[in-house]
């Protein structure tokens, strides 16, 4: 197969030649302070291995609201409202090497921080 035939086949399949791979990391937490320190730790780890980092990109905050009656039996007009806020950030690491991925998987983050890693 020639180079032109390979390029045509790549175009038909939707893949481009020489496309940079990307590691997309979504980080979630209830407290924004803990989230920001975790994101800084992730960026510092990636920068230590000279990886190109895009972000952190703040994503919209998910707000879950709950309304509860104050009294168990009467006084339906008396209610309390509570809310949970889930703060989110997204970080992209372009062309990650094996060392970067290994360092990120071995990283120790505080409790309450949720991480979702995708290879794109």
PDB file of N, CA and C in Angstrom:
ATOM      1  N   UNK A   1       0.847  -1.177   0.000  1.00  0.00           N
ATOM      2  CA  UNK A   1       0.000   0.000   0.000  1.00  0.00           C
ATOM      3  C   UNK A   1       0.893   1.241   0.000  1.00  0.00           C
ATOM      4  N   UNK A   2       0.569   2.184  -0.828  1.00  0.00           N
ATOM      5  CA  UNK A   2       1.375   3.392  -0.914  1.00  0.00           C
ATOM      6  C   UNK A   2       0.967   4.378   0.166  1.00  0.00           C
ATOM      7  N   UNK A   3       1.725   5.461   0.275  1.00  0.00           N
ATOM      8  CA  UNK A   3       1.438   6.489   1.282  1.00  0.00           C
ATOM      9  C   UNK A   3       0.102   7.154   1.003  1.00  0.00           C
ATOM     10  N   UNK A   4      -0.194   7.409  -0.295  1.00  0.00           N
ATOM     11  CA  UNK A   4      -1.465   8.038  -0.646  1.00  0.00           C
ATOM     12  C   UNK A   4      -2.645   7.146  -0.289  1.00  0.00           C
ATOM     13  N   UNK A   5      -2.517   5.841  -0.521  1.00  0.00           N
ATOM     14  CA  UNK A   5      -3.593   4.905  -0.192  1.00  0.00           C
ATOM     15  C   UNK A   5      -3.806   4.843   1.318  1.00  0.00           C
ATOM     16  N   UNK A   6      -2.713   4.909   2.086  1.00  0.00           N
ATOM     17  CA  UNK A   6      -2.819   4.906   3.550  1.00  0.00           C
ATOM     18  C   UNK A   6      -3.519   6.168   4.039  1.00  0.00           C
ATOM     19  N   UNK A   7      -3.193   7.311   3.448  1.00  0.00           N
ATOM     20  CA  UNK A   7      -3.823   8.564   3.836  1.00  0.00           C
ATOM     21  C   UNK A   7      -5.308   8.560   3.500  1.00  0.00           C
ATOM     22  N   UNK A   8      -5.669   8.005   2.319  1.00  0.00           N
ATOM     23  CA  UNK A   8      -7.088   7.925   1.943  1.00  0.00           C
ATOM     24  C   UNK A   8      -7.853   7.026   2.899  1.00  0.00           C
ATOM     25  N   UNK A   9      -7.243   5.910   3.273  1.00  0.00           N
ATOM     26  CA  UNK A   9      -7.892   4.983   4.195  1.00  0.00           C
ATOM     27  C   UNK A   9      -8.085   5.636   5.563  1.00  0.00           C
ATOM     28  N   UNK A  10      -7.105   6.412   6.016  1.00  0.00           N
ATOM     29  CA  UNK A  10      -7.213   7.113   7.297  1.00  0.00           C
ATOM     30  C   UNK A  10      -8.308   8.162   7.243  1.00  0.00           C
ATOM     31  N   UNK A  11      -8.450   8.855   6.076  1.00  0.00           N
ATOM     32  CA  UNK A  11      -9.503   9.862   5.942  1.00  0.00           C
ATOM     33  C   UNK A  11     -10.887   9.229   5.964  1.00  0.00           C
ATOM     34  N   UNK A  12     -11.021   8.070   5.327  1.00  0.00           N
ATOM     35  CA  UNK A  12     -12.314   7.385   5.313  1.00  0.00           C
ATOM     36  C   UNK A  12     -12.709   6.914   6.705  1.00  0.00           C
ATOM     37  N   UNK A  13     -11.747   6.475   7.482  1.00  0.00           N
ATOM     38  CA  UNK A  13     -12.056   5.985   8.830  1.00  0.00           C
ATOM     39  C   UNK A  13     -12.232   7.120   9.825  1.00  0.00           C
ATOM     40  N   UNK A  14     -11.957   8.359   9.416  1.00  0.00           N
ATOM     41  CA  UNK A  14     -12.156   9.501  10.308  1.00  0.00           C
ATOM     42  C   UNK A  14     -10.938   9.845  11.129  1.00  0.00           C
ATOM     43  N   UNK A  15      -9.854   9.110  10.969  1.00  0.00           N
ATOM     44  CA  UNK A  15      -8.644   9.382  11.736  1.00  0.00           C
ATOM     45  C   UNK A  15      -7.675  10.173  10.880  1.00  0.00           C
ATOM     46  N   UNK A  16      -6.972  11.091  11.499  1.00  0.00           N
ATOM     47  CA  UNK A  16      -5.982  11.888  10.785  1.00  0.00           C
ATOM     48  C   UNK A  16      -4.596  11.373  11.136  1.00  0.00           C
ATOM     49  N   UNK A  17      -3.706  11.486  10.173  1.00  0.00           N
ATOM     50  CA  UNK A  17      -2.336  11.074  10.446  1.00  0.00           C
ATOM     51  C   UNK A  17      -1.654  12.104  11.329  1.00  0.00           C
ATOM     52  N   UNK A  18      -0.895  11.646  12.283  1.00  0.00           N
ATOM     53  CA  UNK A  18      -0.145  12.556  13.129  1.00  0.00           C
ATOM     54  C   UNK A  18      -1.002  13.305  14.147  1.00  0.00           C
ATOM     55  N   UNK A  19      -2.187  12.793  14.425  1.00  0.00           N
ATOM     56  CA  UNK A  19      -3.052  13.460  15.389  1.00  0.00           C
ATOM     57  C   UNK A  19      -2.490  13.233  16.782  1.00  0.00           C
ATOM     58  N   UNK A  20      -2.447  14.296  17.551  1.00  0.00           N
ATOM     59  CA  UNK A  20      -1.906  14.203  18.896  1.00  0.00           C
ATOM     60  C   UNK A  20      -2.904  13.487  19.800  1.00  0.00           C
ATOM     61  N   UNK A  21      -2.423  12.550  20.584  1.00  0.00           N
ATOM     62  CA  UNK A  21      -3.292  11.913  21.560  1.00  0.00           C
ATOM     63  C   UNK A  21      -3.446  12.851  22.749  1.00  0.00           C
ATOM     64  N   UNK A  22      -4.502  12.657  23.479  1.00  0.00           N
ATOM     65  CA  UNK A  22      -4.836  13.584  24.553  1.00  0.00           C
ATOM     66  C   UNK A  22      -5.357  12.789  25.742  1.00  0.00           C
ATOM     67  N   UNK A  23      -4.961  13.200  26.916  1.00  0.00           N
ATOM     68  CA  UNK A  23      -5.440  12.625  28.163  1.00  0.00           C
ATOM     69  C   UNK A  23      -6.352  13.662  28.790  1.00  0.00           C
ATOM     70  N   UNK A  24      -7.649  13.371  28.878  1.00  0.00           N
ATOM     71  CA  UNK A  24      -8.617  14.324  29.439  1.00  0.00           C
ATOM     72  C   UNK A  24      -8.959  13.893  30.861  1.00  0.00           C
ATOM     73  N   UNK A  25      -8.722  14.792  31.799  1.00  0.00           N
ATOM     74  CA  UNK A  25      -8.940  14.509  33.214  1.00  0.00           C
ATOM     75  C   UNK A  25     -10.047  15.420  33.723  1.00  0.00           C
ATOM     76  N   UNK A  26     -11.128  14.817  34.250  1.00  0.00           N
ATOM     77  CA  UNK A  26     -12.197  15.596  34.883  1.00  0.00           C
ATOM     78  C   UNK A  26     -12.114  15.359  36.383  1.00  0.00           C
ATOM     79  N   UNK A  27     -12.045  16.431  37.139  1.00  0.00           N
ATOM     80  CA  UNK A  27     -11.904  16.353  38.590  1.00  0.00           C
ATOM     81  C   UNK A  27     -13.138  16.977  39.215  1.00  0.00           C
ATOM     82  N   UNK A  28     -13.740  16.290  40.196  1.00  0.00           N
ATOM     83  CA  UNK A  28     -14.940  16.776  40.872  1.00  0.00           C
ATOM     84  C   UNK A  28     -14.738  16.729  42.379  1.00  0.00           C
ATOM     85  N   UNK A  29     -15.338  17.717  43.076  1.00  0.00           N
ATOM     86  CA  UNK A  29     -15.292  17.732  44.541  1.00  0.00           C
ATOM     87  C   UNK A  29     -16.408  18.629  45.060  1.00  0.00           C
ATOM     88  N   UNK A  30     -16.756  18.444  46.318  1.00  0.00           N
ATOM     89  CA  UNK A  30     -17.776  19.282  46.951  1.00  0.00           C
ATOM     90  C   UNK A  30     -17.194  20.614  47.412  1.00  0.00           C
ATOM     91  N   UNK A  31     -15.910  20.646  47.743  1.00  0.00           N
ATOM     92  CA  UNK A  31     -15.271  21.870  48.223  1.00  0.00           C
ATOM     93  C   UNK A  31     -14.297  22.378  47.156  1.00  0.00           C
ATOM     94  N   UNK A  32     -14.425  23.650  46.812  1.00  0.00           N
ATOM     95  CA  UNK A  32     -13.592  24.191  45.736  1.00  0.00           C
ATOM     96  C   UNK A  32     -12.140  24.345  46.147  1.00  0.00           C
ATOM     97  N   UNK A  33     -11.858  24.547  47.418  1.00  0.00           N
ATOM     98  CA  UNK A  33     -10.476  24.680  47.876  1.00  0.00           C
ATOM     99  C   UNK A  33      -9.700  23.385  47.710  1.00  0.00           C
ATOM    100  N   UNK A  34     -10.317  22.280  48.099  1.00  0.00           N
ATOM    101  CA  UNK A  34      -9.686  20.971  47.962  1.00  0.00           C
ATOM    102  C   UNK A  34      -9.518  20.637  46.485  1.00  0.00           C
ATOM    103  N   UNK A  35     -10.500  21.019  45.686  1.00  0.00           N
ATOM    104  CA  UNK A  35     -10.443  20.771  44.251  1.00  0.00           C
ATOM    105  C   UNK A  35      -9.283  21.522  43.608  1.00  0.00           C
ATOM    106  N   UNK A  36      -9.119  22.791  43.973  1.00  0.00           N
ATOM    107  CA  UNK A  36      -8.047  23.595  43.385  1.00  0.00           C
ATOM    108  C   UNK A  36      -6.662  23.080  43.764  1.00  0.00           C
ATOM    109  N   UNK A  37      -6.487  22.627  45.003  1.00  0.00           N
ATOM    110  CA  UNK A  37      -5.189  22.076  45.401  1.00  0.00           C
ATOM    111  C   UNK A  37      -4.908  20.758  44.661  1.00  0.00           C
ATOM    112  N   UNK A  38      -5.946  19.952  44.435  1.00  0.00           N
ATOM    113  CA  UNK A  38      -5.764  18.697  43.696  1.00  0.00           C
ATOM    114  C   UNK A  38      -5.395  18.965  42.244  1.00  0.00           C
ATOM    115  N   UNK A  39      -6.055  19.957  41.634  1.00  0.00           N
ATOM    116  CA  UNK A  39      -5.761  20.314  40.247  1.00  0.00           C
ATOM    117  C   UNK A  39      -4.330  20.835  40.137  1.00  0.00           C
ATOM    118  N   UNK A  40      -3.905  21.643  41.097  1.00  0.00           N
ATOM    119  CA  UNK A  40      -2.534  22.157  41.092  1.00  0.00           C
ATOM    120  C   UNK A  40      -1.528  21.015  41.219  1.00  0.00           C
ATOM    121  N   UNK A  41      -1.852  20.030  42.034  1.00  0.00           N
ATOM    122  CA  UNK A  41      -0.977  18.869  42.207  1.00  0.00           C
ATOM    123  C   UNK A  41      -0.877  18.069  40.899  1.00  0.00           C
ATOM    124  N   UNK A  42      -1.995  17.922  40.183  1.00  0.00           N
ATOM    125  CA  UNK A  42      -1.997  17.202  38.908  1.00  0.00           C
ATOM    126  C   UNK A  42      -1.159  17.957  37.871  1.00  0.00           C
ATOM    127  N   UNK A  43      -1.331  19.272  37.804  1.00  0.00           N
ATOM    128  CA  UNK A  43      -0.584  20.078  36.835  1.00  0.00           C
ATOM    129  C   UNK A  43       0.903  20.065  37.143  1.00  0.00           C
ATOM    130  N   UNK A  44       1.270  20.149  38.421  1.00  0.00           N
ATOM    131  CA  UNK A  44       2.682  20.103  38.807  1.00  0.00           C
ATOM    132  C   UNK A  44       3.310  18.758  38.439  1.00  0.00           C
ATOM    133  N   UNK A  45       2.550  17.677  38.619  1.00  0.00           N
ATOM    134  CA  UNK A  45       3.061  16.354  38.273  1.00  0.00           C
ATOM    135  C   UNK A  45       3.295  16.241  36.773  1.00  0.00           C
ATOM    136  N   UNK A  46       2.353  16.758  35.977  1.00  0.00           N
ATOM    137  CA  UNK A  46       2.510  16.706  34.520  1.00  0.00           C
ATOM    138  C   UNK A  46       3.654  17.608  34.063  1.00  0.00           C
ATOM    139  N   UNK A  47       3.809  18.760  34.691  1.00  0.00           N
ATOM    140  CA  UNK A  47       4.875  19.695  34.316  1.00  0.00           C
ATOM    141  C   UNK A  47       6.251  19.134  34.675  1.00  0.00           C
ATOM    142  N   UNK A  48       6.314  18.303  35.689  1.00  0.00           N
ATOM    143  CA  UNK A  48       7.579  17.695  36.085  1.00  0.00           C
ATOM    144  C   UNK A  48       8.147  16.817  34.966  1.00  0.00           C
ATOM    145  N   UNK A  49       7.265  16.233  34.156  1.00  0.00           N
ATOM    146  CA  UNK A  49       7.704  15.370  33.056  1.00  0.00           C
ATOM    147  C   UNK A  49       7.611  16.084  31.705  1.00  0.00           C
ATOM    148  N   UNK A  50       7.561  17.406  31.724  1.00  0.00           N
ATOM    149  CA  UNK A  50       7.538  18.255  30.520  1.00  0.00           C
ATOM    150  C   UNK A  50       6.383  17.931  29.580  1.00  0.00           C
ATOM    151  N   UNK A  51       5.230  17.643  30.137  1.00  0.00           N
ATOM    152  CA  UNK A  51       4.033  17.406  29.330  1.00  0.00           C
ATOM    153  C   UNK A  51       3.309  18.733  29.127  1.00  0.00           C
ATOM    154  N   UNK A  52       2.704  18.894  27.960  1.00  0.00           N
ATOM    155  CA  UNK A  52       1.969  20.124  27.688  1.00  0.00           C
ATOM    156  C   UNK A  52       0.576  20.002  28.293  1.00  0.00           C
ATOM    157  N   UNK A  53       0.228  20.978  29.148  1.00  0.00           N
ATOM    158  CA  UNK A  53      -1.030  20.951  29.882  1.00  0.00           C
ATOM    159  C   UNK A  53      -1.926  22.078  29.391  1.00  0.00           C
ATOM    160  N   UNK A  54      -3.189  21.747  29.128  1.00  0.00           N
ATOM    161  CA  UNK A  54      -4.200  22.742  28.770  1.00  0.00           C
ATOM    162  C   UNK A  54      -5.227  22.761  29.887  1.00  0.00           C
ATOM    163  N   UNK A  55      -5.371  23.905  30.526  1.00  0.00           N
ATOM    164  CA  UNK A  55      -6.359  24.004  31.599  1.00  0.00           C
ATOM    165  C   UNK A  55      -5.715  24.462  32.874  1.00  0.00           C
ATOM    166  N   UNK A  56      -6.386  24.421  33.943  1.00  0.00           N
ATOM    167  CA  UNK A  56      -7.689  23.812  34.208  1.00  0.00           C
ATOM    168  C   UNK A  56      -8.840  24.681  33.688  1.00  0.00           C
ATOM    169  N   UNK A  57      -9.825  24.019  33.116  1.00  0.00           N
ATOM    170  CA  UNK A  57     -11.007  24.696  32.602  1.00  0.00           C
ATOM    171  C   UNK A  57     -12.122  24.484  33.616  1.00  0.00           C
ATOM    172  N   UNK A  58     -12.668  25.561  34.189  1.00  0.00           N
ATOM    173  CA  UNK A  58     -13.776  25.384  35.137  1.00  0.00           C
ATOM    174  C   UNK A  58     -15.052  25.002  34.387  1.00  0.00           C
ATOM    175  N   UNK A  59     -15.693  23.958  34.842  1.00  0.00           N
ATOM    176  CA  UNK A  59     -16.956  23.509  34.266  1.00  0.00           C
ATOM    177  C   UNK A  59     -18.109  23.995  35.136  1.00  0.00           C
ATOM    178  N   UNK A  60     -19.329  24.009  34.617  1.00  0.00           N
ATOM    179  CA  UNK A  60     -20.464  24.497  35.413  1.00  0.00           C
ATOM    180  C   UNK A  60     -20.652  23.703  36.703  1.00  0.00           C
ATOM    181  N   UNK A  61     -21.073  24.395  37.729  1.00  0.00           N
ATOM    182  CA  UNK A  61     -21.284  23.783  39.041  1.00  0.00           C
ATOM    183  C   UNK A  61     -22.651  23.104  39.048  1.00  0.00           C
ATOM    184  N   UNK A  62     -22.687  21.837  39.453  1.00  0.00           N
ATOM    185  CA  UNK A  62     -23.956  21.140  39.622  1.00  0.00           C
ATOM    186  C   UNK A  62     -24.499  21.469  41.008  1.00  0.00           C
ATOM    187  N   UNK A  63     -25.718  21.967  41.064  1.00  0.00           N
ATOM    188  CA  UNK A  63     -26.354  22.303  42.342  1.00  0.00           C
ATOM    189  C   UNK A  63     -27.560  21.403  42.516  1.00  0.00           C
ATOM    190  N   UNK A  64     -27.540  20.601  43.560  1.00  0.00           N
ATOM    191  CA  UNK A  64     -28.675  19.740  43.888  1.00  0.00           C
ATOM    192  C   UNK A  64     -29.368  20.337  45.097  1.00  0.00           C
ATOM    193  N   UNK A  65     -30.650  20.673  44.944  1.00  0.00           N
ATOM    194  CA  UNK A  65     -31.408  21.305  46.025  1.00  0.00           C
ATOM    195  C   UNK A  65     -32.406  20.317  46.604  1.00  0.00           C
ATOM    196  N   UNK A  66     -32.521  20.344  47.934  1.00  0.00           N
ATOM    197  CA  UNK A  66     -33.442  19.468  48.652  1.00  0.00           C
ATOM    198  C   UNK A  66     -34.295  20.318  49.579  1.00  0.00           C
ATOM    199  N   UNK A  67     -35.605  20.097  49.568  1.00  0.00           N
ATOM    200  CA  UNK A  67     -36.524  20.795  50.459  1.00  0.00           C
ATOM    201  C   UNK A  67     -37.102  19.769  51.421  1.00  0.00           C
ATOM    202  N   UNK A  68     -37.053  20.080  52.716  1.00  0.00           N
ATOM    203  CA  UNK A  68     -37.469  19.150  53.765  1.00  0.00           C
ATOM    204  C   UNK A  68     -38.439  19.866  54.692  1.00  0.00           C
ATOM    205  N   UNK A  69     -39.521  19.171  55.091  1.00  0.00           N
ATOM    206  CA  UNK A  69     -40.434  19.734  56.094  1.00  0.00           C
ATOM    207  C   UNK A  69     -39.730  19.799  57.436  1.00  0.00           C
ATOM    208  N   UNK A  70     -39.942  20.901  58.158  1.00  0.00           N
ATOM    209  CA  UNK A  70     -39.324  21.025  59.485  1.00  0.00           C
ATOM    210  C   UNK A  70     -40.029  20.144  60.500  1.00  0.00           C
ATOM    211  N   UNK A  71     -41.331  20.123  60.456  1.00  0.00           N
ATOM    212  CA  UNK A  71     -42.104  19.310  61.389  1.00  0.00           C
ATOM    213  C   UNK A  71     -42.457  17.986  60.726  1.00  0.00           C
ATOM    214  N   UNK A  72     -42.645  16.962  61.549  1.00  0.00           N
ATOM    215  CA  UNK A  72     -42.916  15.639  61.006  1.00  0.00           C
ATOM    216  C   UNK A  72     -44.371  15.477  60.583  1.00  0.00           C
ATOM    217  N   UNK A  73     -45.297  16.198  61.224  1.00  0.00           N
ATOM    218  CA  UNK A  73     -46.713  15.904  61.003  1.00  0.00           C
ATOM    219  C   UNK A  73     -47.489  17.113  60.484  1.00  0.00           C
ATOM    220  N   UNK A  74     -47.295  18.270  61.102  1.00  0.00           N
ATOM    221  CA  UNK A  74     -48.051  19.447  60.688  1.00  0.00           C
ATOM    222  C   UNK A  74     -47.108  20.546  60.225  1.00  0.00           C
ATOM    223  N   UNK A  75     -47.644  21.709  59.933  1.00  0.00           N
ATOM    224  CA  UNK A  75     -46.866  22.875  59.492  1.00  0.00           C
ATOM    225  C   UNK A  75     -46.127  22.611  58.180  1.00  0.00           C
ATOM    226  N   UNK A  76     -46.933  22.328  57.167  1.00  0.00           N
ATOM    227  CA  UNK A  76     -46.330  22.117  55.849  1.00  0.00           C
ATOM    228  C   UNK A  76     -45.709  23.406  55.308  1.00  0.00           C
ATOM    229  N   UNK A  77     -46.158  24.557  55.814  1.00  0.00           N
ATOM    230  CA  UNK A  77     -45.616  25.832  55.352  1.00  0.00           C
ATOM    231  C   UNK A  77     -44.198  26.081  55.865  1.00  0.00           C
ATOM    232  N   UNK A  78     -43.813  25.390  56.913  1.00  0.00           N
ATOM    233  CA  UNK A  78     -42.482  25.570  57.492  1.00  0.00           C
ATOM    234  C   UNK A  78     -41.542  24.520  56.907  1.00  0.00           C
ATOM    235  N   UNK A  79     -40.609  24.975  56.041  1.00  0.00           N
ATOM    236  CA  UNK A  79     -39.693  24.049  55.368  1.00  0.00           C
ATOM    237  C   UNK A  79     -38.264  24.557  55.442  1.00  0.00           C
ATOM    238  N   UNK A  80     -37.336  23.629  55.299  1.00  0.00           N
ATOM    239  CA  UNK A  80     -35.913  23.981  55.206  1.00  0.00           C
ATOM    240  C   UNK A  80     -35.419  23.577  53.828  1.00  0.00           C
ATOM    241  N   UNK A  81     -34.473  24.351  53.307  1.00  0.00           N
ATOM    242  CA  UNK A  81     -33.904  24.030  52.007  1.00  0.00           C
ATOM    243  C   UNK A  81     -32.394  23.839  52.155  1.00  0.00           C
ATOM    244  N   UNK A  82     -31.911  22.768  51.544  1.00  0.00           N
ATOM    245  CA  UNK A  82     -30.493  22.449  51.564  1.00  0.00           C
ATOM    246  C   UNK A  82     -30.021  22.301  50.130  1.00  0.00           C
ATOM    247  N   UNK A  83     -28.714  22.522  49.913  1.00  0.00           N
ATOM    248  CA  UNK A  83     -28.161  22.330  48.587  1.00  0.00           C
ATOM    249  C   UNK A  83     -26.769  21.731  48.677  1.00  0.00           C
ATOM    250  N   UNK A  84     -26.450  20.937  47.664  1.00  0.00           N
ATOM    251  CA  UNK A  84     -25.103  20.382  47.518  1.00  0.00           C
ATOM    252  C   UNK A  84     -24.533  20.933  46.227  1.00  0.00           C
ATOM    253  N   UNK A  85     -23.324  21.464  46.295  1.00  0.00           N
ATOM    254  CA  UNK A  85     -22.661  22.002  45.114  1.00  0.00           C
ATOM    255  C   UNK A  85     -21.504  21.088  44.743  1.00  0.00           C
ATOM    256  N   UNK A  86     -21.467  20.698  43.478  1.00  0.00           N
ATOM    257  CA  UNK A  86     -20.387  19.853  42.977  1.00  0.00           C
ATOM    258  C   UNK A  86     -19.574  20.696  42.004  1.00  0.00           C
ATOM    259  N   UNK A  87     -18.344  21.029  42.409  1.00  0.00           N
ATOM    260  CA  UNK A  87     -17.437  21.843  41.598  1.00  0.00           C
ATOM    261  C   UNK A  87     -16.636  20.914  40.691  1.00  0.00           C
ATOM    262  N   UNK A  88     -16.411  21.355  39.436  1.00  0.00           N
ATOM    263  CA  UNK A  88     -15.729  20.506  38.458  1.00  0.00           C
ATOM    264  C   UNK A  88     -14.671  21.305  37.708  1.00  0.00           C
ATOM    265  N   UNK A  89     -13.582  20.610  37.331  1.00  0.00           N
ATOM    266  CA  UNK A  89     -12.530  21.189  36.504  1.00  0.00           C
ATOM    267  C   UNK A  89     -12.129  20.146  35.456  1.00  0.00           C
ATOM    268  N   UNK A  90     -11.634  20.623  34.324  1.00  0.00           N
ATOM    269  CA  UNK A  90     -11.167  19.733  33.274  1.00  0.00           C
ATOM    270  C   UNK A  90      -9.747  20.120  32.881  1.00  0.00           C
ATOM    271  N   UNK A  91      -8.889  19.127  32.746  1.00  0.00           N
ATOM    272  CA  UNK A  91      -7.497  19.339  32.372  1.00  0.00           C
ATOM    273  C   UNK A  91      -7.198  18.417  31.189  1.00  0.00           C
ATOM    274  N   UNK A  92      -6.532  18.951  30.171  1.00  0.00           N
ATOM    275  CA  UNK A  92      -6.077  18.155  29.043  1.00  0.00           C
ATOM    276  C   UNK A  92      -4.560  18.094  29.061  1.00  0.00           C
ATOM    277  N   UNK A  93      -4.017  16.903  28.872  1.00  0.00           N
ATOM    278  CA  UNK A  93      -2.574  16.720  28.744  1.00  0.00           C
ATOM    279  C   UNK A  93      -2.326  16.202  27.340  1.00  0.00           C
ATOM    280  N   UNK A  94      -1.598  16.976  26.543  1.00  0.00           N
ATOM    281  CA  UNK A  94      -1.359  16.641  25.150  1.00  0.00           C
ATOM    282  C   UNK A  94      -0.126  15.757  25.014  1.00  0.00           C
ATOM    283  N   UNK A  95      -0.244  14.733  24.195  1.00  0.00           N
ATOM    284  CA  UNK A  95       0.836  13.769  23.934  1.00  0.00           C
ATOM    285  C   UNK A  95       1.471  13.238  25.221  1.00  0.00           C
ATOM    286  N   UNK A  96       0.692  12.590  26.077  1.00  0.00           N
ATOM    287  CA  UNK A  96       1.276  12.111  27.333  1.00  0.00           C
ATOM    288  C   UNK A  96       2.208  10.923  27.102  1.00  0.00           C
ATOM    289  N   UNK A  97       3.298  10.915  27.815  1.00  0.00           N
ATOM    290  CA  UNK A  97       4.232   9.796  27.768  1.00  0.00           C
ATOM    291  C   UNK A  97       3.842   8.791  28.847  1.00  0.00           C
ATOM    292  N   UNK A  98       4.459   7.653  28.808  1.00  0.00           N
ATOM    293  CA  UNK A  98       4.167   6.612  29.791  1.00  0.00           C
ATOM    294  C   UNK A  98       4.501   7.032  31.209  1.00  0.00           C
ATOM    295  N   UNK A  99       5.573   7.815  31.350  1.00  0.00           N
ATOM    296  CA  UNK A  99       5.975   8.274  32.684  1.00  0.00           C
ATOM    297  C   UNK A  99       4.914   9.180  33.300  1.00  0.00           C
ATOM    298  N   UNK A 100       4.297  10.033  32.474  1.00  0.00           N
ATOM    299  CA  UNK A 100       3.277  10.957  32.964  1.00  0.00           C
ATOM    300  C   UNK A 100       2.049  10.183  33.421  1.00  0.00           C
ATOM    301  N   UNK A 101       1.630   9.216  32.623  1.00  0.00           N
ATOM    302  CA  UNK A 101       0.443   8.422  32.971  1.00  0.00           C
ATOM    303  C   UNK A 101       0.690   7.625  34.244  1.00  0.00           C
ATOM    304  N   UNK A 102       1.881   7.061  34.364  1.00  0.00           N
ATOM    305  CA  UNK A 102       2.215   6.289  35.560  1.00  0.00           C
ATOM    306  C   UNK A 102       2.245   7.178  36.803  1.00  0.00           C
ATOM    307  N   UNK A 103       2.797   8.377  36.666  1.00  0.00           N
ATOM    308  CA  UNK A 103       2.866   9.297  37.803  1.00  0.00           C
ATOM    309  C   UNK A 103       1.469   9.754  38.220  1.00  0.00           C
ATOM    310  N   UNK A 104       0.587   9.962  37.254  1.00  0.00           N
ATOM    311  CA  UNK A 104      -0.772  10.388  37.579  1.00  0.00           C
ATOM    312  C   UNK A 104      -1.578   9.282  38.249  1.00  0.00           C
ATOM    313  N   UNK A 105      -1.346   8.027  37.844  1.00  0.00           N
ATOM    314  CA  UNK A 105      -2.086   6.930  38.468  1.00  0.00           C
ATOM    315  C   UNK A 105      -1.590   6.656  39.885  1.00  0.00           C
ATOM    316  N   UNK A 106      -0.320   6.949  40.164  1.00  0.00           N
ATOM    317  CA  UNK A 106       0.232   6.705  41.495  1.00  0.00           C
ATOM    318  C   UNK A 106       0.064   7.898  42.435  1.00  0.00           C
ATOM    319  N   UNK A 107      -0.569   8.965  41.967  1.00  0.00           N
ATOM    320  CA  UNK A 107      -0.706  10.172  42.775  1.00  0.00           C
ATOM    321  C   UNK A 107      -1.719   9.961  43.894  1.00  0.00           C
ATOM    322  N   UNK A 108      -1.407  10.514  45.061  1.00  0.00           N
ATOM    323  CA  UNK A 108      -2.287  10.414  46.227  1.00  0.00           C
ATOM    324  C   UNK A 108      -3.029  11.738  46.380  1.00  0.00           C
ATOM    325  N   UNK A 109      -4.354  11.710  46.164  1.00  0.00           N
ATOM    326  CA  UNK A 109      -5.181  12.915  46.266  1.00  0.00           C
ATOM    327  C   UNK A 109      -6.048  12.842  47.509  1.00  0.00           C
ATOM    328  N   UNK A 110      -6.502  14.002  48.016  1.00  0.00           N
ATOM    329  CA  UNK A 110      -7.327  14.002  49.222  1.00  0.00           C
ATOM    330  C   UNK A 110      -8.650  13.292  49.010  1.00  0.00           C
ATOM    331  N   UNK A 111      -9.239  12.842  50.114  1.00  0.00           N
ATOM    332  CA  UNK A 111     -10.539  12.192  50.013  1.00  0.00           C
ATOM    333  C   UNK A 111     -11.594  13.230  49.637  1.00  0.00           C
ATOM    334  N   UNK A 112     -12.618  12.779  48.953  1.00  0.00           N
ATOM    335  CA  UNK A 112     -13.661  13.682  48.499  1.00  0.00           C
ATOM    336  C   UNK A 112     -13.431  14.211  47.107  1.00  0.00           C
ATOM    337  N   UNK A 113     -12.301  13.873  46.497  1.00  0.00           N
ATOM    338  CA  UNK A 113     -11.988  14.313  45.136  1.00  0.00           C
ATOM    339  C   UNK A 113     -12.173  13.125  44.205  1.00  0.00           C
ATOM    340  N   UNK A 114     -13.010  13.297  43.193  1.00  0.00           N
ATOM    341  CA  UNK A 114     -13.292  12.247  42.234  1.00  0.00           C
ATOM    342  C   UNK A 114     -12.610  12.580  40.912  1.00  0.00           C
ATOM    343  N   UNK A 115     -11.962  11.578  40.307  1.00  0.00           N
ATOM    344  CA  UNK A 115     -11.221  11.799  39.068  1.00  0.00           C
ATOM    345  C   UNK A 115     -11.720  10.851  37.997  1.00  0.00           C
ATOM    346  N   UNK A 116     -11.925  11.389  36.778  1.00  0.00           N
ATOM    347  CA  UNK A 116     -12.306  10.592  35.624  1.00  0.00           C
ATOM    348  C   UNK A 116     -11.281  10.859  34.528  1.00  0.00           C
ATOM    349  N   UNK A 117     -10.567   9.826  34.087  1.00  0.00           N
ATOM    350  CA  UNK A 117      -9.505   9.979  33.098  1.00  0.00           C
ATOM    351  C   UNK A 117      -9.926   9.267  31.807  1.00  0.00           C
ATOM    352  N   UNK A 118      -9.821   9.989  30.694  1.00  0.00           N
ATOM    353  CA  UNK A 118     -10.142   9.416  29.386  1.00  0.00           C
ATOM    354  C   UNK A 118      -8.974   9.668  28.436  1.00  0.00           C
ATOM    355  N   UNK A 119      -8.706   8.680  27.589  1.00  0.00           N
ATOM    356  CA  UNK A 119      -7.690   8.829  26.550  1.00  0.00           C
ATOM    357  C   UNK A 119      -8.432   9.114  25.256  1.00  0.00           C
ATOM    358  N   UNK A 120      -8.108  10.241  24.640  1.00  0.00           N
ATOM    359  CA  UNK A 120      -8.811  10.629  23.416  1.00  0.00           C
ATOM    360  C   UNK A 120      -7.845  10.646  22.249  1.00  0.00           C
TER     361      UNK A 120
END
